[in-house]
Amino acid sequence: MVRAAVLPAVGSPLELVEIDLPEPGPGQVRVKLAAAGVCHSDLSLSNGTMRVPTPCVLGHEGAGTVLAVGEGVDHVSVGDGVVLNWAPSCGSCHHCAIGEVWLCASALSGAANVYARTADGKDLHPGLNVAAFAEETVVAANCVLPVPDGVPLTDAALLGCAVLTGYGAVHHSARVREGESVAVYGVGGVGLATLQSARIAGAGPVIAVDVTPEKEELARAAGATEFVLASDTTANEIRKLTEGRGVDVAVECVGRASTIRTAWDSTRRGGRTTVVGIGGKDQQVTFSALELFHWGRTLAGCVYGNCDPAADLPVLAEHIRAGRLDLSALVTEHIGLDGIPAAFENMIAGKGGRALVVF
């Protein structure tokens, strides 16, 4: 038996309970978690913005140590440090075949499986395949990747979502070039990773936008050269910082229609607006046909940073070893499993960066 934070039903509070994990079967790996980040996607799953079978164990950004492997697993061994990969690619669907592994048709199919049971015998699903809000988890072998050399396990947890997403938004989706101006909307865990990635890309100015003035210090430490407090005049303020044009690239990390619209409005003619935040289906963004023609902007969604984790983790590790990427700077709170509900409330209130569950 291990402790886990279980979501009994959508909209219900999390419950800390003992769960019974099976030994890994063929093609599976059992992992003892070292740390798990509390991501806004976990909040979206708990409140129904994103659908998930329940009851389930949430948590998809994590790292730990391999305790056991099932038959046929040969890329990791007992004792290895691993990063959890919540969206593994199958390698055979249309998207995987054309190199879009982040859009794999079966990436989330494992979330429908029963992977464990509560002490009283109730079936449990893994919220986003990997069920990281637990002391231990059992996952498919393609849901684990070796931790790169020189990266502590607690830091490595952040590689599983926030850092891959922020890095990929800059380098893969928006393809930020040296000297381009960038605005990042939302200074949470992903936003902080996006700011650091924009700095690594040589962008400038790098403008952070948030509703909370206390985020300015975090934003500047991550690489922001300017900080704008979100308001009705945000787009105008950003244009003033960019010689009246608007930024070359705006990255929206919030997932609200109003913020997406503002990010679009603050992008220069011919620029790129990348949407990372996950909004609800009721969040409608409207554009006129004339403005789409006139502004010539590109509006793009961004899933998991448009990353291939197997290819991108070694690149991120090199940035970490060289001191260009500081994972610990994304974390503003270390908590236990019982601190996850409060971390959700802080996200709703716009407080802090990443909360990290440390086991």
Protein backbone atom coordinates (compact mmCIF):
# COMPACT_ATOMS: atom_id res chain seq x y z
CA MET A 1 0.00 0.00 0.00
CA VAL A 2 1.15 3.54 -0.82
CA ARG A 3 -0.35 6.95 -0.14
CA ALA A 4 -1.95 8.85 -2.99
CA ALA A 5 -4.12 11.90 -3.62
CA VAL A 6 -7.31 10.55 -5.21
CA LEU A 7 -9.92 12.56 -7.11
CA PRO A 8 -13.19 10.69 -6.32
CA ALA A 9 -15.23 12.58 -8.94
CA VAL A 10 -14.97 15.74 -11.03
CA GLY A 11 -15.50 18.75 -8.79
CA SER A 12 -14.88 16.80 -5.58
CA PRO A 13 -12.02 17.57 -3.18
CA LEU A 14 -8.94 15.35 -3.31
CA GLU A 15 -8.72 12.58 -0.72
CA LEU A 16 -5.48 11.21 0.73
CA VAL A 17 -5.88 7.44 0.83
CA GLU A 18 -3.91 4.21 0.76
CA ILE A 19 -3.92 2.50 -2.63
CA ASP A 20 -2.87 -0.97 -3.72
CA LEU A 21 -0.46 -1.01 -6.65
CA PRO A 22 0.14 -4.21 -8.59
CA GLU A 23 3.62 -5.37 -9.52
CA PRO A 24 4.57 -4.27 -13.03
CA GLY A 25 3.40 -6.58 -15.79
CA PRO A 26 4.98 -6.99 -19.22
CA GLY A 27 6.00 -3.63 -20.64
CA GLN A 28 5.47 -1.79 -17.34
CA VAL A 29 7.66 0.00 -14.79
CA ARG A 30 7.15 0.71 -11.10
CA VAL A 31 8.55 4.06 -9.94
CA LYS A 32 9.11 5.51 -6.47
CA LEU A 33 8.38 9.23 -6.84
CA ALA A 34 10.94 11.77 -5.64
CA ALA A 35 8.90 14.84 -6.60
CA ALA A 36 5.83 15.89 -8.56
CA GLY A 37 4.91 19.36 -9.79
CA VAL A 38 1.38 20.69 -9.33
CA CYS A 39 0.36 21.85 -12.81
CA HIS A 40 -2.64 23.90 -13.90
CA SER A 41 -3.69 20.93 -16.04
CA ASP A 42 -4.25 18.95 -12.82
CA LEU A 43 -6.60 21.70 -11.66
CA SER A 44 -8.34 21.61 -15.06
CA LEU A 45 -8.85 17.86 -14.72
CA SER A 46 -10.20 18.18 -11.20
CA ASN A 47 -12.76 20.87 -12.08
CA GLY A 48 -13.93 19.35 -15.36
CA THR A 49 -12.30 21.76 -17.82
CA MET A 50 -10.59 18.66 -19.19
CA ARG A 51 -12.30 15.28 -19.03
CA VAL A 52 -10.85 12.38 -17.06
CA PRO A 53 -12.25 9.01 -15.89
CA THR A 54 -12.80 8.95 -12.12
CA PRO A 55 -11.93 8.02 -9.49
CA CYS A 56 -8.35 8.69 -10.45
CA VAL A 57 -4.93 9.72 -9.22
CA LEU A 58 -3.87 13.01 -10.80
CA GLY A 59 -0.33 14.31 -11.25
CA HIS A 60 1.60 14.11 -14.49
CA GLU A 61 4.82 16.08 -13.90
CA GLY A 62 7.16 13.90 -11.90
CA ALA A 63 10.44 12.04 -11.52
CA GLY A 64 11.64 9.19 -9.37
CA THR A 65 13.57 5.95 -9.12
CA VAL A 66 12.75 2.65 -10.83
CA LEU A 67 11.77 0.02 -8.27
CA ALA A 68 10.88 -2.84 -10.63
CA VAL A 69 10.47 -3.54 -14.33
CA GLY A 70 8.23 -5.97 -16.15
CA GLU A 71 9.11 -8.39 -18.90
CA GLY A 72 10.38 -6.78 -22.09
CA VAL A 73 11.55 -3.50 -20.54
CA ASP A 74 15.17 -2.86 -21.44
CA HIS A 75 15.69 0.93 -21.67
CA VAL A 76 15.63 1.44 -17.89
CA SER A 77 16.72 -0.74 -14.97
CA VAL A 78 16.06 -0.96 -11.24
CA GLY A 79 17.70 2.00 -9.51
CA ASP A 80 17.63 4.31 -12.53
CA GLY A 81 16.32 7.85 -12.17
CA VAL A 82 13.48 8.54 -14.59
CA VAL A 83 11.29 11.42 -15.75
CA LEU A 84 7.61 10.60 -16.24
CA ASN A 85 6.32 11.21 -19.76
CA TRP A 86 2.55 11.72 -19.56
CA ALA A 87 2.03 11.84 -23.34
CA PRO A 88 4.05 8.97 -24.83
CA SER A 89 4.01 8.50 -28.59
CA CYS A 90 2.97 5.21 -30.15
CA GLY A 91 5.33 5.62 -33.11
CA SER A 92 2.85 4.24 -35.63
CA CYS A 93 -0.14 6.61 -35.98
CA HIS A 94 -0.32 9.28 -38.69
CA HIS A 95 1.00 12.06 -36.47
CA CYS A 96 3.94 10.00 -35.22
CA ALA A 97 4.75 8.93 -38.78
CA ILE A 98 5.08 12.57 -39.91
CA GLY A 99 7.09 13.63 -36.85
CA GLU A 100 4.31 15.25 -34.82
CA VAL A 101 4.75 12.97 -31.81
CA TRP A 102 3.16 15.52 -29.46
CA LEU A 103 -0.14 14.93 -31.27
CA CYS A 104 0.01 11.13 -31.06
CA ALA A 105 -3.49 9.69 -31.53
CA SER A 106 -3.11 7.26 -28.62
CA ALA A 107 -0.98 9.35 -26.26
CA LEU A 108 -3.67 9.53 -23.58
CA SER A 109 -5.28 6.14 -24.11
CA GLY A 110 -3.76 4.80 -20.89
CA ALA A 111 -5.85 7.21 -18.78
CA ALA A 112 -8.89 4.99 -19.36
CA ASN A 113 -7.17 1.94 -17.86
CA VAL A 114 -7.55 0.70 -14.30
CA TYR A 115 -4.05 0.77 -12.85
CA ALA A 116 -4.61 0.41 -9.09
CA ARG A 117 -7.28 0.01 -6.40
CA THR A 118 -8.12 1.70 -3.15
CA ALA A 119 -7.86 -0.21 0.10
CA ASP A 120 -11.61 -0.87 -0.06
CA GLY A 121 -11.40 -2.26 -3.60
CA LYS A 122 -12.45 0.67 -5.81
CA ASP A 123 -10.85 0.79 -9.27
CA LEU A 124 -8.55 3.75 -9.95
CA HIS A 125 -7.50 5.39 -13.22
CA PRO A 126 -4.23 7.26 -13.83
CA GLY A 127 -5.34 10.85 -14.53
CA LEU A 128 -2.88 11.58 -17.33
CA ASN A 129 -1.30 8.14 -17.71
CA VAL A 130 1.28 8.41 -14.93
CA ALA A 131 -0.55 9.18 -11.62
CA ALA A 132 2.30 11.16 -10.06
CA PHE A 133 0.36 12.33 -6.97
CA ALA A 134 1.34 9.13 -5.17
CA GLU A 135 4.38 7.81 -3.37
CA GLU A 136 4.76 5.17 -6.07
CA THR A 137 3.20 4.49 -9.46
CA VAL A 138 3.09 1.79 -12.14
CA VAL A 139 3.26 3.04 -15.72
CA ALA A 140 3.78 1.81 -19.26
CA ALA A 141 7.44 1.60 -20.19
CA ASN A 142 7.12 4.36 -22.78
CA CYS A 143 5.99 6.70 -19.98
CA VAL A 144 9.48 6.85 -18.48
CA LEU A 145 12.65 8.44 -19.81
CA PRO A 146 16.08 8.31 -18.14
CA VAL A 147 16.97 11.39 -16.12
CA PRO A 148 19.84 13.19 -17.88
CA ASP A 149 23.20 13.15 -16.10
CA GLY A 150 23.75 15.96 -13.65
CA VAL A 151 20.06 16.77 -13.05
CA PRO A 152 18.78 16.16 -9.48
CA LEU A 153 15.60 14.07 -9.30
CA THR A 154 13.57 16.81 -7.62
CA ASP A 155 14.51 19.25 -10.37
CA ALA A 156 13.96 16.62 -13.05
CA ALA A 157 10.28 16.42 -12.11
CA LEU A 158 9.75 19.83 -13.73
CA LEU A 159 11.13 18.56 -17.03
CA GLY A 160 8.05 16.36 -17.42
CA CYS A 161 5.68 19.22 -18.24
CA ALA A 162 6.44 22.85 -17.33
CA VAL A 163 9.92 23.04 -18.80
CA LEU A 164 9.25 21.00 -21.93
CA THR A 165 6.12 23.07 -22.56
CA GLY A 166 7.75 26.46 -22.01
CA TYR A 167 10.92 25.55 -23.91
CA GLY A 168 8.97 24.05 -26.78
CA ALA A 169 6.60 27.02 -27.03
CA VAL A 170 9.62 29.25 -27.66
CA HIS A 171 11.88 26.99 -29.69
CA HIS A 172 9.45 24.72 -31.58
CA SER A 173 6.09 26.47 -31.86
CA ALA A 174 6.95 30.19 -32.05
CA ARG A 175 10.54 29.55 -33.27
CA VAL A 176 11.85 32.66 -31.55
CA ARG A 177 14.97 34.09 -33.16
CA GLU A 178 17.75 36.06 -31.52
CA GLY A 179 16.81 39.71 -31.11
CA GLU A 180 13.06 39.20 -31.45
CA SER A 181 10.73 40.71 -28.87
CA VAL A 182 8.59 38.35 -26.80
CA ALA A 183 5.65 38.85 -24.42
CA VAL A 184 4.72 36.05 -22.02
CA TYR A 185 1.24 36.13 -20.52
CA GLY A 186 1.00 34.38 -17.15
CA VAL A 187 3.94 33.99 -14.77
CA GLY A 188 3.21 30.55 -13.34
CA GLY A 189 5.40 27.47 -13.71
CA VAL A 190 5.04 27.27 -17.50
CA GLY A 191 5.31 31.04 -17.89
CA LEU A 192 8.56 31.11 -15.90
CA ALA A 193 9.96 28.31 -18.06
CA THR A 194 8.89 30.25 -21.16
CA LEU A 195 10.66 33.38 -19.93
CA GLN A 196 13.87 31.46 -19.28
CA SER A 197 13.63 29.87 -22.71
CA ALA A 198 13.10 33.24 -24.39
CA ARG A 199 16.25 34.49 -22.65
CA ILE A 200 18.15 31.40 -23.83
CA ALA A 201 16.97 32.12 -27.38
CA GLY A 202 18.48 35.62 -27.16
CA ALA A 203 15.14 37.42 -27.33
CA GLY A 204 14.78 41.05 -26.34
CA PRO A 205 12.92 42.78 -24.96
CA VAL A 206 11.26 39.97 -23.00
CA ILE A 207 8.03 41.26 -21.45
CA ALA A 208 6.19 39.41 -18.70
CA VAL A 209 2.47 40.07 -18.14
CA ASP A 210 0.55 39.01 -15.05
CA VAL A 211 -2.39 40.10 -12.90
CA THR A 212 -0.31 39.93 -9.72
CA PRO A 213 2.31 42.64 -9.08
CA GLU A 214 4.19 40.32 -6.73
CA LYS A 215 5.12 38.20 -9.77
CA GLU A 216 7.47 40.90 -11.09
CA GLU A 217 10.46 39.73 -9.06
CA LEU A 218 9.97 36.12 -10.20
CA ALA A 219 9.56 37.22 -13.81
CA ARG A 220 12.70 39.36 -13.87
CA ALA A 221 14.74 36.60 -12.22
CA ALA A 222 13.60 34.27 -15.02
CA GLY A 223 14.72 36.65 -17.75
CA ALA A 224 12.02 39.27 -18.21
CA THR A 225 13.42 42.70 -19.04
CA GLU A 226 10.02 44.35 -18.57
CA PHE A 227 6.95 43.63 -16.46
CA VAL A 228 3.42 44.76 -17.33
CA LEU A 229 0.55 44.47 -14.87
CA ALA A 230 -2.42 43.09 -16.80
CA SER A 231 -5.18 45.63 -17.48
CA ASP A 232 -7.47 46.88 -20.23
CA THR A 233 -4.52 48.76 -21.73
CA THR A 234 -1.98 45.91 -21.74
CA ALA A 235 -1.68 45.69 -25.53
CA ASN A 236 -1.07 49.45 -25.77
CA GLU A 237 1.59 49.30 -23.06
CA ILE A 238 3.38 46.53 -24.90
CA ARG A 239 3.32 48.49 -28.14
CA LYS A 240 4.92 51.42 -26.30
CA LEU A 241 7.75 49.08 -25.27
CA THR A 242 8.26 47.93 -28.87
CA GLU A 243 8.44 51.19 -30.83
CA GLY A 244 4.70 51.10 -31.48
CA ARG A 245 4.73 47.81 -33.40
CA GLY A 246 3.90 45.15 -30.84
CA VAL A 247 5.99 42.10 -30.05
CA ASP A 248 7.30 39.66 -32.62
CA VAL A 249 5.98 36.79 -30.49
CA ALA A 250 3.32 36.58 -27.77
CA VAL A 251 2.99 33.38 -25.72
CA GLU A 252 -0.26 32.94 -23.78
CA CYS A 253 0.12 30.62 -20.78
CA VAL A 254 -3.24 31.27 -19.10
CA GLY A 255 -5.99 29.73 -21.21
CA ARG A 256 -8.56 32.52 -21.05
CA ALA A 257 -10.34 34.00 -24.05
CA SER A 258 -9.64 37.56 -22.90
CA THR A 259 -5.93 36.87 -22.43
CA ILE A 260 -5.63 35.13 -25.80
CA ARG A 261 -7.29 38.12 -27.43
CA THR A 262 -4.94 40.54 -25.66
CA ALA A 263 -1.90 38.48 -26.63
CA TRP A 264 -3.08 38.61 -30.25
CA ASP A 265 -3.64 42.38 -30.04
CA SER A 266 -0.14 42.92 -28.64
CA THR A 267 1.54 41.02 -31.48
CA ARG A 268 2.99 43.05 -34.33
CA ARG A 269 1.74 42.85 -37.88
CA GLY A 270 3.13 39.60 -39.30
CA GLY A 271 4.05 38.32 -35.82
CA ARG A 272 3.23 35.05 -34.08
CA THR A 273 0.82 34.38 -31.20
CA THR A 274 1.24 30.99 -29.51
CA VAL A 275 -1.42 29.65 -27.14
CA VAL A 276 -0.11 27.30 -24.45
CA GLY A 277 -2.82 27.76 -21.80
CA ILE A 278 -5.67 25.25 -21.70
CA GLY A 279 -9.06 26.96 -21.61
CA GLY A 280 -12.57 25.58 -21.33
CA LYS A 281 -14.78 24.98 -24.35
CA ASP A 282 -16.92 27.95 -23.26
CA GLN A 283 -13.96 30.31 -23.71
CA GLN A 284 -14.70 31.72 -27.16
CA VAL A 285 -12.23 34.01 -28.97
CA THR A 286 -13.50 36.03 -31.94
CA PHE A 287 -11.70 37.74 -34.81
CA SER A 288 -13.06 39.68 -37.77
CA ALA A 289 -12.23 38.47 -41.28
CA LEU A 290 -10.77 41.88 -42.08
CA GLU A 291 -8.30 41.92 -39.17
CA LEU A 292 -7.10 38.41 -39.97
CA PHE A 293 -6.21 39.67 -43.44
CA HIS A 294 -4.83 43.04 -42.39
CA TRP A 295 -2.59 42.01 -39.51
CA GLY A 296 -1.14 38.91 -41.19
CA ARG A 297 -0.46 37.37 -37.80
CA THR A 298 -0.11 33.66 -37.11
CA LEU A 299 -2.19 32.19 -34.27
CA ALA A 300 -1.11 28.70 -33.21
CA GLY A 301 -1.97 26.25 -30.48
CA CYS A 302 0.87 24.47 -28.70
CA VAL A 303 0.52 20.96 -27.23
CA TYR A 304 3.21 19.81 -24.77
CA GLY A 305 5.51 22.42 -26.30
CA ASN A 306 5.37 20.62 -29.66
CA CYS A 307 8.19 18.57 -28.12
CA ASP A 308 9.65 15.13 -28.61
CA PRO A 309 10.73 14.47 -25.00
CA ALA A 310 13.31 11.84 -25.97
CA ALA A 311 15.05 14.35 -28.25
CA ASP A 312 14.51 17.50 -26.16
CA LEU A 313 15.47 16.27 -22.68
CA PRO A 314 19.19 15.96 -23.55
CA VAL A 315 19.11 19.51 -24.97
CA LEU A 316 17.48 20.84 -21.81
CA ALA A 317 20.00 18.95 -19.67
CA GLU A 318 22.85 20.68 -21.46
CA HIS A 319 21.25 24.07 -20.75
CA ILE A 320 20.94 23.06 -17.08
CA ARG A 321 24.56 21.93 -16.82
CA ALA A 322 25.74 25.14 -18.50
CA GLY A 323 23.74 27.26 -16.03
CA ARG A 324 21.46 28.73 -18.67
CA LEU A 325 18.33 27.00 -17.30
CA ASP A 326 17.57 27.13 -13.57
CA LEU A 327 14.83 24.67 -12.67
CA SER A 328 14.81 25.52 -8.98
CA ALA A 329 13.86 29.12 -9.86
CA LEU A 330 10.48 27.87 -11.12
CA VAL A 331 9.53 26.52 -7.68
CA THR A 332 8.04 28.86 -5.10
CA GLU A 333 6.71 26.26 -2.67
CA HIS A 334 7.66 22.76 -1.51
CA ILE A 335 4.71 20.76 -0.16
CA GLY A 336 3.52 17.28 0.73
CA LEU A 337 0.57 15.45 -0.84
CA ASP A 338 -1.72 17.16 1.67
CA GLY A 339 -0.69 20.55 0.27
CA ILE A 340 -2.08 19.99 -3.22
CA PRO A 341 -5.56 21.49 -2.55
CA ALA A 342 -3.96 24.69 -1.24
CA ALA A 343 -1.69 24.75 -4.31
CA PHE A 344 -4.82 24.58 -6.48
CA GLU A 345 -6.28 27.56 -4.60
CA ASN A 346 -3.06 29.52 -5.09
CA MET A 347 -3.23 28.87 -8.84
CA ILE A 348 -6.82 30.09 -8.97
CA ALA A 349 -5.74 33.23 -7.09
CA GLY A 350 -2.71 33.75 -9.35
CA LYS A 351 -0.18 33.29 -6.55
CA GLY A 352 3.32 31.88 -6.87
CA GLY A 353 5.11 29.82 -9.49
CA ARG A 354 5.32 26.04 -9.36
CA ALA A 355 4.37 24.14 -6.19
CA LEU A 356 6.45 20.96 -5.93
CA VAL A 357 5.37 17.89 -3.98
CA VAL A 358 8.51 16.40 -2.45
CA PHE A 359 8.21 12.84 -1.19
